[in-house]
């Protein structure tokens, strides 16, 4: 069984959306603000999927 990452990074968002890495940083900041997370906390794949409405299995295909 292959272990999968649970954290999403701006580069992952760039691959998924086709937008810039800067947009990925912006979206992560927006998600953190919405979830009331602090700057040092991470955004999980599940949180990203819930926020964007993109299926988690589809997101996992892009970050493998």
PDB file of N, CA and C in Angstrom:
ATOM      1  N   UNK A   1       0.838  -1.185   0.000  1.00  0.00           N
ATOM      2  CA  UNK A   1       0.000   0.000   0.000  1.00  0.00           C
ATOM      3  C   UNK A   1       0.879   1.242   0.000  1.00  0.00           C
ATOM      4  N   UNK A   2       0.614   2.113  -0.949  1.00  0.00           N
ATOM      5  CA  UNK A   2       1.402   3.341  -1.074  1.00  0.00           C
ATOM      6  C   UNK A   2       0.803   4.428  -0.195  1.00  0.00           C
ATOM      7  N   UNK A   3       1.656   5.067   0.597  1.00  0.00           N
ATOM      8  CA  UNK A   3       1.207   6.174   1.439  1.00  0.00           C
ATOM      9  C   UNK A   3       0.991   7.414   0.580  1.00  0.00           C
ATOM     10  N   UNK A   4      -0.077   8.136   0.877  1.00  0.00           N
ATOM     11  CA  UNK A   4      -0.384   9.353   0.131  1.00  0.00           C
ATOM     12  C   UNK A   4      -0.223  10.557   1.024  1.00  0.00           C
ATOM     13  N   UNK A   5       0.134  11.660   0.408  1.00  0.00           N
ATOM     14  CA  UNK A   5       0.264  12.908   1.137  1.00  0.00           C
ATOM     15  C   UNK A   5      -1.102  13.400   1.577  1.00  0.00           C
ATOM     16  N   UNK A   6      -1.163  14.039   2.709  1.00  0.00           N
ATOM     17  CA  UNK A   6      -2.424  14.597   3.193  1.00  0.00           C
ATOM     18  C   UNK A   6      -2.440  16.122   3.115  1.00  0.00           C
ATOM     19  N   UNK A   7      -1.289  16.717   2.838  1.00  0.00           N
ATOM     20  CA  UNK A   7      -1.158  18.172   2.778  1.00  0.00           C
ATOM     21  C   UNK A   7      -1.099  18.610   1.318  1.00  0.00           C
ATOM     22  N   UNK A   8      -1.731  19.733   1.022  1.00  0.00           N
ATOM     23  CA  UNK A   8      -1.701  20.253  -0.341  1.00  0.00           C
ATOM     24  C   UNK A   8      -0.860  21.530  -0.377  1.00  0.00           C
ATOM     25  N   UNK A   9      -0.108  21.699  -1.451  1.00  0.00           N
ATOM     26  CA  UNK A   9       0.799  22.829  -1.621  1.00  0.00           C
ATOM     27  C   UNK A   9       0.406  23.645  -2.853  1.00  0.00           C
ATOM     28  N   UNK A  10       0.897  24.878  -2.954  1.00  0.00           N
ATOM     29  CA  UNK A  10       0.561  25.725  -4.109  1.00  0.00           C
ATOM     30  C   UNK A  10       0.884  25.069  -5.459  1.00  0.00           C
ATOM     31  N   UNK A  11       1.976  24.337  -5.532  1.00  0.00           N
ATOM     32  CA  UNK A  11       2.348  23.670  -6.785  1.00  0.00           C
ATOM     33  C   UNK A  11       1.308  22.618  -7.170  1.00  0.00           C
ATOM     34  N   UNK A  12       0.732  21.943  -6.180  1.00  0.00           N
ATOM     35  CA  UNK A  12      -0.331  20.972  -6.447  1.00  0.00           C
ATOM     36  C   UNK A  12      -1.552  21.676  -7.030  1.00  0.00           C
ATOM     37  N   UNK A  13      -1.912  22.811  -6.438  1.00  0.00           N
ATOM     38  CA  UNK A  13      -3.066  23.573  -6.913  1.00  0.00           C
ATOM     39  C   UNK A  13      -2.822  24.064  -8.335  1.00  0.00           C
ATOM     40  N   UNK A  14      -1.584  24.421  -8.629  1.00  0.00           N
ATOM     41  CA  UNK A  14      -1.227  24.842  -9.984  1.00  0.00           C
ATOM     42  C   UNK A  14      -1.481  23.706 -10.973  1.00  0.00           C
ATOM     43  N   UNK A  15      -1.069  22.486 -10.619  1.00  0.00           N
ATOM     44  CA  UNK A  15      -1.293  21.327 -11.493  1.00  0.00           C
ATOM     45  C   UNK A  15      -2.784  21.033 -11.676  1.00  0.00           C
ATOM     46  N   UNK A  16      -3.541  21.157 -10.601  1.00  0.00           N
ATOM     47  CA  UNK A  16      -4.965  20.824 -10.637  1.00  0.00           C
ATOM     48  C   UNK A  16      -5.758  21.848 -11.442  1.00  0.00           C
ATOM     49  N   UNK A  17      -5.498  23.128 -11.210  1.00  0.00           N
ATOM     50  CA  UNK A  17      -6.316  24.190 -11.812  1.00  0.00           C
ATOM     51  C   UNK A  17      -5.768  24.712 -13.132  1.00  0.00           C
ATOM     52  N   UNK A  18      -4.468  24.525 -13.361  1.00  0.00           N
ATOM     53  CA  UNK A  18      -3.861  25.089 -14.556  1.00  0.00           C
ATOM     54  C   UNK A  18      -3.554  26.569 -14.407  1.00  0.00           C
ATOM     55  N   UNK A  19      -3.731  27.085 -13.212  1.00  0.00           N
ATOM     56  CA  UNK A  19      -3.436  28.497 -12.950  1.00  0.00           C
ATOM     57  C   UNK A  19      -2.037  28.625 -12.364  1.00  0.00           C
ATOM     58  N   UNK A  20      -1.637  29.828 -12.041  1.00  0.00           N
ATOM     59  CA  UNK A  20      -0.279  30.083 -11.567  1.00  0.00           C
ATOM     60  C   UNK A  20      -0.074  29.589 -10.134  1.00  0.00           C
ATOM     61  N   UNK A  21       1.202  29.459  -9.773  1.00  0.00           N
ATOM     62  CA  UNK A  21       1.535  29.069  -8.402  1.00  0.00           C
ATOM     63  C   UNK A  21       1.122  30.176  -7.427  1.00  0.00           C
ATOM     64  N   UNK A  22       1.174  31.400  -7.893  1.00  0.00           N
ATOM     65  CA  UNK A  22       0.736  32.530  -7.063  1.00  0.00           C
ATOM     66  C   UNK A  22      -0.751  32.385  -6.723  1.00  0.00           C
ATOM     67  N   UNK A  23      -1.550  31.955  -7.701  1.00  0.00           N
ATOM     68  CA  UNK A  23      -2.970  31.712  -7.441  1.00  0.00           C
ATOM     69  C   UNK A  23      -3.122  30.600  -6.394  1.00  0.00           C
ATOM     70  N   UNK A  24      -2.245  29.595  -6.456  1.00  0.00           N
ATOM     71  CA  UNK A  24      -2.269  28.513  -5.468  1.00  0.00           C
ATOM     72  C   UNK A  24      -2.027  29.031  -4.062  1.00  0.00           C
ATOM     73  N   UNK A  25      -1.082  29.941  -3.918  1.00  0.00           N
ATOM     74  CA  UNK A  25      -0.816  30.550  -2.609  1.00  0.00           C
ATOM     75  C   UNK A  25      -2.013  31.365  -2.140  1.00  0.00           C
ATOM     76  N   UNK A  26      -2.608  32.103  -3.078  1.00  0.00           N
ATOM     77  CA  UNK A  26      -3.789  32.910  -2.757  1.00  0.00           C
ATOM     78  C   UNK A  26      -4.942  32.022  -2.289  1.00  0.00           C
ATOM     79  N   UNK A  27      -5.183  30.924  -2.999  1.00  0.00           N
ATOM     80  CA  UNK A  27      -6.284  30.031  -2.650  1.00  0.00           C
ATOM     81  C   UNK A  27      -6.052  29.365  -1.295  1.00  0.00           C
ATOM     82  N   UNK A  28      -4.819  28.957  -1.011  1.00  0.00           N
ATOM     83  CA  UNK A  28      -4.518  28.369   0.299  1.00  0.00           C
ATOM     84  C   UNK A  28      -4.768  29.382   1.412  1.00  0.00           C
ATOM     85  N   UNK A  29      -4.391  30.628   1.179  1.00  0.00           N
ATOM     86  CA  UNK A  29      -4.631  31.683   2.177  1.00  0.00           C
ATOM     87  C   UNK A  29      -6.128  31.884   2.393  1.00  0.00           C
ATOM     88  N   UNK A  30      -6.879  31.860   1.306  1.00  0.00           N
ATOM     89  CA  UNK A  30      -8.329  32.021   1.394  1.00  0.00           C
ATOM     90  C   UNK A  30      -8.965  30.868   2.172  1.00  0.00           C
ATOM     91  N   UNK A  31      -8.494  29.652   1.932  1.00  0.00           N
ATOM     92  CA  UNK A  31      -9.009  28.476   2.652  1.00  0.00           C
ATOM     93  C   UNK A  31      -8.667  28.583   4.135  1.00  0.00           C
ATOM     94  N   UNK A  32      -7.423  28.970   4.445  1.00  0.00           N
ATOM     95  CA  UNK A  32      -7.015  29.125   5.853  1.00  0.00           C
ATOM     96  C   UNK A  32      -7.863  30.173   6.560  1.00  0.00           C
ATOM     97  N   UNK A  33      -8.117  31.280   5.876  1.00  0.00           N
ATOM     98  CA  UNK A  33      -8.954  32.330   6.469  1.00  0.00           C
ATOM     99  C   UNK A  33     -10.361  31.811   6.728  1.00  0.00           C
ATOM    100  N   UNK A  34     -10.909  31.087   5.762  1.00  0.00           N
ATOM    101  CA  UNK A  34     -12.262  30.547   5.887  1.00  0.00           C
ATOM    102  C   UNK A  34     -12.366  29.543   7.037  1.00  0.00           C
ATOM    103  N   UNK A  35     -11.309  28.732   7.211  1.00  0.00           N
ATOM    104  CA  UNK A  35     -11.298  27.714   8.271  1.00  0.00           C
ATOM    105  C   UNK A  35     -10.734  28.246   9.587  1.00  0.00           C
ATOM    106  N   UNK A  36     -10.370  29.516   9.608  1.00  0.00           N
ATOM    107  CA  UNK A  36      -9.796  30.172  10.780  1.00  0.00           C
ATOM    108  C   UNK A  36      -8.538  29.453  11.279  1.00  0.00           C
ATOM    109  N   UNK A  37      -7.682  29.089  10.324  1.00  0.00           N
ATOM    110  CA  UNK A  37      -6.407  28.458  10.666  1.00  0.00           C
ATOM    111  C   UNK A  37      -5.339  29.538  10.802  1.00  0.00           C
ATOM    112  N   UNK A  38      -4.335  29.234  11.579  1.00  0.00           N
ATOM    113  CA  UNK A  38      -3.208  30.150  11.726  1.00  0.00           C
ATOM    114  C   UNK A  38      -2.222  29.921  10.582  1.00  0.00           C
ATOM    115  N   UNK A  39      -1.302  30.876  10.401  1.00  0.00           N
ATOM    116  CA  UNK A  39      -0.364  30.819   9.275  1.00  0.00           C
ATOM    117  C   UNK A  39       0.506  29.563   9.275  1.00  0.00           C
ATOM    118  N   UNK A  40       0.850  29.063  10.448  1.00  0.00           N
ATOM    119  CA  UNK A  40       1.747  27.905  10.511  1.00  0.00           C
ATOM    120  C   UNK A  40       1.018  26.574  10.283  1.00  0.00           C
ATOM    121  N   UNK A  41      -0.312  26.594  10.220  1.00  0.00           N
ATOM    122  CA  UNK A  41      -1.066  25.365  10.041  1.00  0.00           C
ATOM    123  C   UNK A  41      -1.216  25.033   8.557  1.00  0.00           C
ATOM    124  N   UNK A  42      -1.330  23.739   8.265  1.00  0.00           N
ATOM    125  CA  UNK A  42      -1.428  23.258   6.892  1.00  0.00           C
ATOM    126  C   UNK A  42      -2.887  23.087   6.475  1.00  0.00           C
ATOM    127  N   UNK A  43      -3.095  23.042   5.154  1.00  0.00           N
ATOM    128  CA  UNK A  43      -4.403  22.733   4.588  1.00  0.00           C
ATOM    129  C   UNK A  43      -4.336  21.307   4.064  1.00  0.00           C
ATOM    130  N   UNK A  44      -5.298  20.479   4.452  1.00  0.00           N
ATOM    131  CA  UNK A  44      -5.304  19.088   4.017  1.00  0.00           C
ATOM    132  C   UNK A  44      -6.005  18.958   2.660  1.00  0.00           C
ATOM    133  N   UNK A  45      -5.770  17.822   2.023  1.00  0.00           N
ATOM    134  CA  UNK A  45      -6.420  17.526   0.754  1.00  0.00           C
ATOM    135  C   UNK A  45      -7.932  17.516   0.947  1.00  0.00           C
ATOM    136  N   UNK A  46      -8.386  16.955   2.052  1.00  0.00           N
ATOM    137  CA  UNK A  46      -9.814  16.900   2.334  1.00  0.00           C
ATOM    138  C   UNK A  46     -10.410  18.307   2.465  1.00  0.00           C
ATOM    139  N   UNK A  47      -9.725  19.195   3.163  1.00  0.00           N
ATOM    140  CA  UNK A  47     -10.201  20.573   3.324  1.00  0.00           C
ATOM    141  C   UNK A  47     -10.234  21.293   1.971  1.00  0.00           C
ATOM    142  N   UNK A  48      -9.194  21.077   1.172  1.00  0.00           N
ATOM    143  CA  UNK A  48      -9.137  21.675  -0.166  1.00  0.00           C
ATOM    144  C   UNK A  48     -10.291  21.169  -1.019  1.00  0.00           C
ATOM    145  N   UNK A  49     -10.535  19.868  -0.990  1.00  0.00           N
ATOM    146  CA  UNK A  49     -11.612  19.269  -1.775  1.00  0.00           C
ATOM    147  C   UNK A  49     -12.974  19.809  -1.361  1.00  0.00           C
ATOM    148  N   UNK A  50     -13.191  19.902  -0.071  1.00  0.00           N
ATOM    149  CA  UNK A  50     -14.465  20.418   0.440  1.00  0.00           C
ATOM    150  C   UNK A  50     -14.660  21.865   0.017  1.00  0.00           C
ATOM    151  N   UNK A  51     -13.614  22.672   0.131  1.00  0.00           N
ATOM    152  CA  UNK A  51     -13.703  24.096  -0.193  1.00  0.00           C
ATOM    153  C   UNK A  51     -13.960  24.323  -1.681  1.00  0.00           C
ATOM    154  N   UNK A  52     -13.262  23.570  -2.541  1.00  0.00           N
ATOM    155  CA  UNK A  52     -13.356  23.804  -3.985  1.00  0.00           C
ATOM    156  C   UNK A  52     -14.463  22.996  -4.651  1.00  0.00           C
ATOM    157  N   UNK A  53     -14.923  21.941  -3.980  1.00  0.00           N
ATOM    158  CA  UNK A  53     -15.946  21.094  -4.582  1.00  0.00           C
ATOM    159  C   UNK A  53     -15.380  20.078  -5.556  1.00  0.00           C
ATOM    160  N   UNK A  54     -14.063  19.918  -5.562  1.00  0.00           N
ATOM    161  CA  UNK A  54     -13.408  18.930  -6.424  1.00  0.00           C
ATOM    162  C   UNK A  54     -13.304  17.622  -5.645  1.00  0.00           C
ATOM    163  N   UNK A  55     -13.678  16.518  -6.283  1.00  0.00           N
ATOM    164  CA  UNK A  55     -13.644  15.216  -5.623  1.00  0.00           C
ATOM    165  C   UNK A  55     -12.242  14.899  -5.107  1.00  0.00           C
ATOM    166  N   UNK A  56     -12.169  14.383  -3.896  1.00  0.00           N
ATOM    167  CA  UNK A  56     -10.884  14.105  -3.251  1.00  0.00           C
ATOM    168  C   UNK A  56     -10.069  13.072  -4.024  1.00  0.00           C
ATOM    169  N   UNK A  57     -10.713  12.079  -4.600  1.00  0.00           N
ATOM    170  CA  UNK A  57      -9.988  11.071  -5.389  1.00  0.00           C
ATOM    171  C   UNK A  57      -9.334  11.704  -6.611  1.00  0.00           C
ATOM    172  N   UNK A  58     -10.011  12.647  -7.224  1.00  0.00           N
ATOM    173  CA  UNK A  58      -9.443  13.360  -8.384  1.00  0.00           C
ATOM    174  C   UNK A  58      -8.239  14.187  -7.957  1.00  0.00           C
ATOM    175  N   UNK A  59      -8.344  14.851  -6.830  1.00  0.00           N
ATOM    176  CA  UNK A  59      -7.216  15.641  -6.307  1.00  0.00           C
ATOM    177  C   UNK A  59      -6.028  14.727  -6.020  1.00  0.00           C
ATOM    178  N   UNK A  60      -6.275  13.575  -5.418  1.00  0.00           N
ATOM    179  CA  UNK A  60      -5.201  12.631  -5.091  1.00  0.00           C
ATOM    180  C   UNK A  60      -4.466  12.150  -6.332  1.00  0.00           C
ATOM    181  N   UNK A  61      -5.143  12.067  -7.465  1.00  0.00           N
ATOM    182  CA  UNK A  61      -4.478  11.658  -8.699  1.00  0.00           C
ATOM    183  C   UNK A  61      -3.424  12.676  -9.125  1.00  0.00           C
ATOM    184  N   UNK A  62      -3.669  13.947  -8.838  1.00  0.00           N
ATOM    185  CA  UNK A  62      -2.736  14.994  -9.229  1.00  0.00           C
ATOM    186  C   UNK A  62      -1.543  15.130  -8.288  1.00  0.00           C
ATOM    187  N   UNK A  63      -1.674  14.683  -7.050  1.00  0.00           N
ATOM    188  CA  UNK A  63      -0.573  14.880  -6.105  1.00  0.00           C
ATOM    189  C   UNK A  63       0.240  13.618  -5.845  1.00  0.00           C
ATOM    190  N   UNK A  64      -0.068  12.531  -6.519  1.00  0.00           N
ATOM    191  CA  UNK A  64       0.708  11.291  -6.350  1.00  0.00           C
ATOM    192  C   UNK A  64       2.095  11.427  -6.906  1.00  0.00           C
TER     193      UNK A  64
END
